[in-house]
N, C-alpha and C. Protein backbone atom coordinates (compact mmCIF):
# COMPACT_ATOMS: atom_id res chain seq x y z
N UNK A 1 1.89 -78.71 9.33
CA UNK A 1 2.53 -77.48 9.04
C UNK A 1 3.79 -77.40 9.89
N UNK A 2 4.86 -77.03 9.23
CA UNK A 2 6.10 -76.93 9.97
C UNK A 2 6.63 -75.51 9.88
N UNK A 3 7.17 -75.05 10.97
CA UNK A 3 7.76 -73.71 11.04
C UNK A 3 9.25 -73.82 11.20
N UNK A 4 9.96 -72.99 10.47
CA UNK A 4 11.41 -72.94 10.63
C UNK A 4 11.73 -71.63 11.32
N UNK A 5 12.47 -71.75 12.34
CA UNK A 5 12.93 -70.57 13.04
C UNK A 5 14.31 -70.23 12.51
N UNK A 6 14.49 -68.99 12.25
CA UNK A 6 15.80 -68.57 11.79
C UNK A 6 15.85 -67.06 11.70
N UNK A 7 16.84 -66.63 11.07
CA UNK A 7 17.01 -65.18 10.92
C UNK A 7 16.21 -64.66 9.73
N UNK A 8 15.76 -63.47 9.91
CA UNK A 8 15.07 -62.81 8.81
C UNK A 8 16.11 -62.34 7.80
N UNK A 9 15.76 -62.26 6.58
CA UNK A 9 16.72 -61.76 5.60
C UNK A 9 17.08 -60.31 5.91
N UNK A 10 18.29 -59.96 5.58
CA UNK A 10 18.77 -58.59 5.80
C UNK A 10 17.97 -57.62 4.94
N UNK A 11 17.42 -56.63 5.58
CA UNK A 11 16.65 -55.61 4.86
C UNK A 11 17.41 -54.29 5.02
N UNK A 12 17.71 -53.65 3.91
CA UNK A 12 18.44 -52.38 4.05
C UNK A 12 17.58 -51.34 4.77
N UNK A 13 18.24 -50.51 5.57
CA UNK A 13 17.53 -49.44 6.26
C UNK A 13 17.16 -48.35 5.26
N UNK A 14 15.99 -47.85 5.43
CA UNK A 14 15.54 -46.77 4.57
C UNK A 14 15.57 -45.49 5.39
N UNK A 15 16.22 -44.50 4.83
CA UNK A 15 16.31 -43.21 5.49
C UNK A 15 15.21 -42.32 4.93
N UNK A 16 14.41 -41.78 5.79
CA UNK A 16 13.34 -40.90 5.38
C UNK A 16 13.75 -39.48 5.73
N UNK A 17 13.70 -38.62 4.73
CA UNK A 17 14.06 -37.23 4.95
C UNK A 17 12.84 -36.37 4.63
N UNK A 18 12.44 -35.63 5.59
CA UNK A 18 11.30 -34.75 5.39
C UNK A 18 11.76 -33.52 4.63
N UNK A 19 11.05 -33.18 3.60
CA UNK A 19 11.42 -32.00 2.83
C UNK A 19 10.51 -30.86 3.20
N UNK A 20 11.01 -29.70 3.08
CA UNK A 20 10.26 -28.50 3.41
C UNK A 20 11.21 -27.33 3.45
N UNK A 21 10.69 -26.18 3.74
CA UNK A 21 11.58 -25.02 3.77
C UNK A 21 12.60 -25.13 4.89
N UNK A 22 13.80 -24.80 4.54
CA UNK A 22 14.86 -24.80 5.55
C UNK A 22 14.71 -23.55 6.40
N UNK A 23 15.38 -23.54 7.51
CA UNK A 23 15.27 -22.42 8.44
C UNK A 23 15.67 -21.10 7.75
N UNK A 24 16.74 -21.15 6.99
CA UNK A 24 17.20 -19.94 6.30
C UNK A 24 16.20 -19.47 5.26
N UNK A 25 15.55 -20.41 4.58
CA UNK A 25 14.56 -20.06 3.58
C UNK A 25 13.35 -19.39 4.22
N UNK A 26 12.96 -19.86 5.39
CA UNK A 26 11.82 -19.25 6.09
C UNK A 26 12.12 -17.80 6.43
N UNK A 27 13.34 -17.55 6.91
CA UNK A 27 13.71 -16.18 7.25
C UNK A 27 13.71 -15.30 6.02
N UNK A 28 14.21 -15.83 4.89
CA UNK A 28 14.22 -15.04 3.67
C UNK A 28 12.82 -14.71 3.21
N UNK A 29 11.90 -15.68 3.32
CA UNK A 29 10.52 -15.43 2.93
C UNK A 29 9.90 -14.36 3.81
N UNK A 30 10.19 -14.40 5.11
CA UNK A 30 9.66 -13.38 6.02
C UNK A 30 10.22 -12.01 5.67
N UNK A 31 11.52 -11.95 5.36
CA UNK A 31 12.13 -10.68 4.97
C UNK A 31 11.50 -10.14 3.69
N UNK A 32 11.26 -11.04 2.72
CA UNK A 32 10.64 -10.63 1.47
C UNK A 32 9.24 -10.06 1.71
N UNK A 33 8.48 -10.69 2.61
CA UNK A 33 7.13 -10.20 2.92
C UNK A 33 7.20 -8.81 3.55
N UNK A 34 8.15 -8.62 4.46
CA UNK A 34 8.31 -7.32 5.12
C UNK A 34 8.69 -6.26 4.09
N UNK A 35 9.62 -6.60 3.19
CA UNK A 35 10.04 -5.64 2.16
C UNK A 35 8.86 -5.28 1.26
N UNK A 36 8.04 -6.26 0.92
CA UNK A 36 6.87 -6.03 0.07
C UNK A 36 5.89 -5.08 0.75
N UNK A 37 5.66 -5.28 2.06
CA UNK A 37 4.76 -4.41 2.80
C UNK A 37 5.31 -2.98 2.86
N UNK A 38 6.62 -2.86 3.08
CA UNK A 38 7.23 -1.53 3.13
C UNK A 38 7.12 -0.84 1.78
N UNK A 39 7.31 -1.60 0.71
CA UNK A 39 7.22 -1.04 -0.63
C UNK A 39 5.81 -0.54 -0.90
N UNK A 40 4.80 -1.33 -0.53
CA UNK A 40 3.40 -0.93 -0.70
C UNK A 40 3.11 0.33 0.10
N UNK A 41 3.63 0.38 1.32
CA UNK A 41 3.41 1.54 2.18
C UNK A 41 4.04 2.79 1.57
N UNK A 42 5.25 2.66 1.03
CA UNK A 42 5.93 3.80 0.41
C UNK A 42 5.17 4.28 -0.82
N UNK A 43 4.62 3.35 -1.60
CA UNK A 43 3.84 3.73 -2.77
C UNK A 43 2.59 4.50 -2.37
N UNK A 44 1.96 4.08 -1.29
CA UNK A 44 0.77 4.79 -0.81
C UNK A 44 1.15 6.18 -0.32
N UNK A 45 2.30 6.30 0.34
CA UNK A 45 2.75 7.60 0.83
C UNK A 45 3.08 8.52 -0.34
N UNK A 46 3.64 7.95 -1.43
CA UNK A 46 3.92 8.76 -2.61
C UNK A 46 2.63 9.30 -3.20
N UNK A 47 1.58 8.47 -3.15
CA UNK A 47 0.29 8.89 -3.67
C UNK A 47 -0.26 10.07 -2.88
N UNK A 48 -0.03 10.09 -1.58
CA UNK A 48 -0.48 11.20 -0.75
C UNK A 48 0.56 12.31 -0.83
N UNK A 49 0.13 13.46 -1.28
CA UNK A 49 1.07 14.55 -1.47
C UNK A 49 0.44 15.84 -0.96
N UNK A 50 1.21 16.61 -0.23
CA UNK A 50 0.71 17.87 0.30
C UNK A 50 1.30 19.03 -0.51
N UNK A 51 0.42 19.83 -1.08
CA UNK A 51 0.82 21.02 -1.86
C UNK A 51 -0.12 22.16 -1.52
N UNK A 52 0.42 23.31 -1.24
CA UNK A 52 -0.38 24.50 -0.93
C UNK A 52 -1.44 24.25 0.13
N UNK A 53 -1.14 23.40 1.09
CA UNK A 53 -2.08 23.11 2.16
C UNK A 53 -3.04 21.98 1.84
N UNK A 54 -3.12 21.58 0.58
CA UNK A 54 -3.97 20.46 0.18
C UNK A 54 -3.27 19.15 0.50
N UNK A 55 -4.02 18.17 0.96
CA UNK A 55 -3.50 16.82 1.17
C UNK A 55 -4.16 15.93 0.12
N UNK A 56 -3.44 15.70 -0.97
CA UNK A 56 -3.99 14.96 -2.10
C UNK A 56 -3.76 13.47 -1.97
N UNK A 57 -4.75 12.71 -2.39
CA UNK A 57 -4.60 11.27 -2.51
C UNK A 57 -5.33 10.82 -3.76
N UNK A 58 -4.82 9.77 -4.38
CA UNK A 58 -5.38 9.25 -5.61
C UNK A 58 -6.72 8.57 -5.33
N UNK A 59 -7.66 8.76 -6.24
CA UNK A 59 -8.98 8.13 -6.08
C UNK A 59 -9.42 7.54 -7.41
N UNK A 60 -10.29 6.54 -7.37
CA UNK A 60 -10.87 6.04 -8.62
C UNK A 60 -11.95 7.01 -9.10
N UNK A 61 -12.06 7.16 -10.40
CA UNK A 61 -13.06 8.06 -10.96
C UNK A 61 -14.39 7.33 -11.06
N UNK A 62 -15.41 7.91 -10.45
CA UNK A 62 -16.76 7.34 -10.51
C UNK A 62 -17.69 8.44 -10.98
N UNK A 63 -18.26 8.25 -12.12
CA UNK A 63 -19.20 9.24 -12.63
C UNK A 63 -18.50 10.39 -13.33
N UNK A 64 -19.29 11.29 -13.91
CA UNK A 64 -18.71 12.44 -14.62
C UNK A 64 -18.28 13.53 -13.64
N UNK A 65 -17.00 13.67 -13.45
CA UNK A 65 -16.44 14.68 -12.54
C UNK A 65 -15.45 15.51 -13.35
N UNK A 66 -15.45 16.83 -13.10
CA UNK A 66 -14.49 17.71 -13.77
C UNK A 66 -13.46 18.19 -12.77
N UNK A 67 -12.29 18.51 -13.27
CA UNK A 67 -11.18 19.01 -12.46
C UNK A 67 -11.53 20.39 -11.89
N UNK A 68 -11.23 20.61 -10.63
CA UNK A 68 -11.51 21.90 -9.97
C UNK A 68 -10.60 22.99 -10.51
N UNK A 69 -9.47 22.65 -11.12
CA UNK A 69 -8.53 23.63 -11.63
C UNK A 69 -8.78 23.96 -13.10
N UNK A 70 -8.77 22.92 -13.98
CA UNK A 70 -8.86 23.17 -15.42
C UNK A 70 -10.26 22.91 -15.99
N UNK A 71 -11.16 22.37 -15.19
CA UNK A 71 -12.54 22.08 -15.56
C UNK A 71 -12.69 21.01 -16.64
N UNK A 72 -11.63 20.29 -16.96
CA UNK A 72 -11.72 19.21 -17.94
C UNK A 72 -12.11 17.93 -17.23
N UNK A 73 -12.79 17.01 -17.93
CA UNK A 73 -13.17 15.73 -17.30
C UNK A 73 -11.96 14.86 -17.03
N UNK A 74 -12.12 13.90 -16.12
CA UNK A 74 -11.04 13.00 -15.75
C UNK A 74 -11.00 11.79 -16.67
N UNK A 75 -9.80 11.30 -16.90
CA UNK A 75 -9.65 10.01 -17.54
C UNK A 75 -9.70 8.97 -16.44
N UNK A 76 -9.47 7.72 -16.75
CA UNK A 76 -9.66 6.64 -15.77
C UNK A 76 -8.75 6.70 -14.56
N UNK A 77 -7.51 7.17 -14.69
CA UNK A 77 -6.57 6.94 -13.59
C UNK A 77 -5.85 8.18 -13.06
N UNK A 78 -6.32 9.35 -13.35
CA UNK A 78 -5.55 10.52 -12.92
C UNK A 78 -6.27 11.45 -11.96
N UNK A 79 -7.22 10.97 -11.22
CA UNK A 79 -7.98 11.82 -10.30
C UNK A 79 -7.36 11.83 -8.91
N UNK A 80 -7.27 13.02 -8.34
CA UNK A 80 -6.78 13.21 -6.97
C UNK A 80 -7.77 14.10 -6.24
N UNK A 81 -7.91 13.87 -4.94
CA UNK A 81 -8.80 14.71 -4.15
C UNK A 81 -8.07 15.19 -2.89
N UNK A 82 -8.47 16.35 -2.42
CA UNK A 82 -7.90 16.91 -1.19
C UNK A 82 -8.73 16.42 -0.01
N UNK A 83 -8.07 15.90 1.00
CA UNK A 83 -8.76 15.41 2.19
C UNK A 83 -9.38 16.55 2.99
N UNK A 84 -8.86 17.75 2.84
CA UNK A 84 -9.35 18.89 3.61
C UNK A 84 -10.56 19.57 2.97
N UNK A 85 -10.45 19.90 1.68
CA UNK A 85 -11.51 20.70 1.04
C UNK A 85 -12.29 19.94 -0.03
N UNK A 86 -11.94 18.68 -0.27
CA UNK A 86 -12.62 17.81 -1.24
C UNK A 86 -12.53 18.28 -2.68
N UNK A 87 -11.50 19.03 -3.03
CA UNK A 87 -11.30 19.45 -4.42
C UNK A 87 -10.82 18.24 -5.22
N UNK A 88 -11.30 18.12 -6.47
CA UNK A 88 -10.88 17.06 -7.37
C UNK A 88 -10.00 17.66 -8.45
N UNK A 89 -8.81 17.13 -8.64
CA UNK A 89 -7.89 17.67 -9.64
C UNK A 89 -7.13 16.55 -10.35
N UNK A 90 -6.60 16.90 -11.55
CA UNK A 90 -5.70 16.01 -12.26
C UNK A 90 -4.35 16.01 -11.55
N UNK A 91 -3.56 15.01 -11.82
CA UNK A 91 -2.21 14.92 -11.23
C UNK A 91 -1.41 16.17 -11.57
N UNK A 92 -1.47 16.59 -12.81
CA UNK A 92 -0.71 17.76 -13.24
C UNK A 92 -1.27 19.08 -12.75
N UNK A 93 -2.52 19.10 -12.33
CA UNK A 93 -3.16 20.34 -11.86
C UNK A 93 -2.97 20.57 -10.37
N UNK A 94 -2.40 19.61 -9.65
CA UNK A 94 -2.29 19.75 -8.20
C UNK A 94 -1.46 20.96 -7.79
N UNK A 95 -0.35 21.17 -8.50
CA UNK A 95 0.56 22.26 -8.10
C UNK A 95 -0.01 23.64 -8.40
N UNK A 96 -0.87 23.75 -9.41
CA UNK A 96 -1.40 25.06 -9.78
C UNK A 96 -2.69 25.43 -9.05
N UNK A 97 -3.25 24.50 -8.27
CA UNK A 97 -4.47 24.80 -7.52
C UNK A 97 -4.17 25.79 -6.41
N UNK A 98 -5.08 26.74 -6.20
CA UNK A 98 -4.90 27.76 -5.15
C UNK A 98 -4.80 27.10 -3.78
N UNK A 99 -4.26 27.82 -2.81
CA UNK A 99 -4.09 27.30 -1.46
C UNK A 99 -5.41 26.80 -0.88
N UNK A 100 -5.32 25.79 -0.06
CA UNK A 100 -6.49 25.16 0.53
C UNK A 100 -7.14 26.10 1.54
N UNK A 101 -8.39 26.45 1.30
CA UNK A 101 -9.11 27.38 2.18
C UNK A 101 -9.38 26.74 3.54
N UNK A 102 -9.63 25.46 3.59
CA UNK A 102 -9.93 24.79 4.87
C UNK A 102 -8.73 24.82 5.80
N UNK A 103 -7.53 24.67 5.25
CA UNK A 103 -6.33 24.69 6.09
C UNK A 103 -6.11 26.10 6.63
N UNK A 104 -6.35 27.11 5.80
CA UNK A 104 -6.20 28.49 6.26
C UNK A 104 -7.14 28.76 7.43
N UNK A 105 -8.37 28.27 7.33
CA UNK A 105 -9.35 28.48 8.40
C UNK A 105 -8.91 27.78 9.68
N UNK A 106 -8.38 26.59 9.58
CA UNK A 106 -7.93 25.86 10.76
C UNK A 106 -6.78 26.58 11.44
N UNK A 107 -5.86 27.13 10.65
CA UNK A 107 -4.72 27.84 11.22
C UNK A 107 -5.18 29.08 11.95
N UNK A 108 -6.10 29.83 11.36
CA UNK A 108 -6.60 31.04 12.01
C UNK A 108 -7.30 30.73 13.32
N UNK A 109 -8.16 29.71 13.31
CA UNK A 109 -8.91 29.37 14.52
C UNK A 109 -7.97 28.91 15.62
N UNK A 110 -6.98 28.15 15.32
CA UNK A 110 -6.07 27.67 16.37
C UNK A 110 -5.23 28.84 16.90
N UNK A 111 -4.91 29.81 16.05
CA UNK A 111 -4.15 30.97 16.48
C UNK A 111 -4.97 31.87 17.38
N UNK A 112 -6.25 32.01 17.09
CA UNK A 112 -7.12 32.86 17.90
C UNK A 112 -7.34 32.29 19.30
N UNK A 113 -7.42 30.99 19.38
CA UNK A 113 -7.65 30.35 20.69
C UNK A 113 -6.44 30.54 21.60
N UNK A 114 -5.26 30.53 21.03
CA UNK A 114 -4.05 30.65 21.84
C UNK A 114 -3.83 32.07 22.30
N UNK A 115 -4.27 33.07 21.54
CA UNK A 115 -4.00 34.46 21.85
C UNK A 115 -4.80 34.97 23.00
């Protein structure tokens, strides 16, 4: 067996480039996530509405429940409840519901303690 010593054939250099999100793209994705969270938060705040002392928030309808204002049953997506007095109303009935009795009681009690 004979060995020849010599130069290896010229091999072109291969450049390897790692692909992935660029720095600017990462920042944009983070900004998009923040905007999405803010949007969700604003939508939830819109759902919570205070009228006549009631603090209404949207709820899913479970079981046969009637509106405290008009006494009609709820459809699938229009039920709201007051966090203070637990009244259930339609979206359109929120403004016509009488003032929240629980809030009136809280105001009176806090006023009596201070006097």
